[in-house]
């Protein structure tokens, strides 16, 4: 598992839960978090093992 995958797995549910508690929409919370991870992946340092 890559560093990004570990980061994603450890943070996704917590972030969705926090956003859901703010806006009350699970669908919107998931969309926002997914978009944030897509943008983060574009900027994530490459895996030195590859």
Protein backbone atom coordinates (compact mmCIF):
# COMPACT_ATOMS: atom_id res chain seq x y z
CA UNK A 1 0.00 0.00 0.00
CA UNK A 2 1.33 3.44 -0.91
CA UNK A 3 1.56 6.38 1.43
CA UNK A 4 -1.36 8.04 -0.31
CA UNK A 5 -3.53 4.93 0.03
CA UNK A 6 -2.75 4.79 3.74
CA UNK A 7 -3.56 8.49 4.09
CA UNK A 8 -6.84 8.02 2.19
CA UNK A 9 -7.88 4.99 4.24
CA UNK A 10 -7.10 6.69 7.53
CA UNK A 11 -8.76 10.03 6.75
CA UNK A 12 -11.71 9.45 4.39
CA UNK A 13 -14.38 8.39 6.87
CA UNK A 14 -13.39 11.02 9.43
CA UNK A 15 -13.50 13.81 6.84
CA UNK A 16 -16.85 12.68 5.43
CA UNK A 17 -18.25 12.52 8.95
CA UNK A 18 -17.07 16.00 9.79
CA UNK A 19 -18.48 17.51 6.61
CA UNK A 20 -21.74 15.61 7.02
CA UNK A 21 -22.14 17.06 10.51
CA UNK A 22 -21.67 20.56 9.08
CA UNK A 23 -23.95 20.39 6.04
CA UNK A 24 -26.29 17.45 6.73
CA UNK A 25 -25.85 15.87 3.29
CA UNK A 26 -23.89 12.63 3.09
CA UNK A 27 -23.79 12.81 -0.71
CA UNK A 28 -22.31 16.31 -0.70
CA UNK A 29 -19.83 15.40 2.02
CA UNK A 30 -18.62 12.40 0.03
CA UNK A 31 -18.36 14.47 -3.16
CA UNK A 32 -16.32 17.20 -1.49
CA UNK A 33 -13.95 14.75 0.18
CA UNK A 34 -13.50 12.77 -3.03
CA UNK A 35 -12.68 15.96 -4.96
CA UNK A 36 -10.18 16.97 -2.27
CA UNK A 37 -8.44 13.59 -2.50
CA UNK A 38 -8.30 13.79 -6.30
CA UNK A 39 -6.61 17.18 -6.04
CA UNK A 40 -4.28 15.95 -3.30
CA UNK A 41 -3.24 12.93 -5.36
CA UNK A 42 -2.21 15.24 -8.21
CA UNK A 43 0.19 16.97 -5.81
CA UNK A 44 1.31 13.89 -3.84
CA UNK A 45 5.02 13.14 -4.10
CA UNK A 46 5.79 10.13 -6.28
CA UNK A 47 6.53 6.82 -4.56
CA UNK A 48 10.33 6.45 -4.48
CA UNK A 49 9.98 2.66 -4.75
CA UNK A 50 8.51 2.81 -8.25
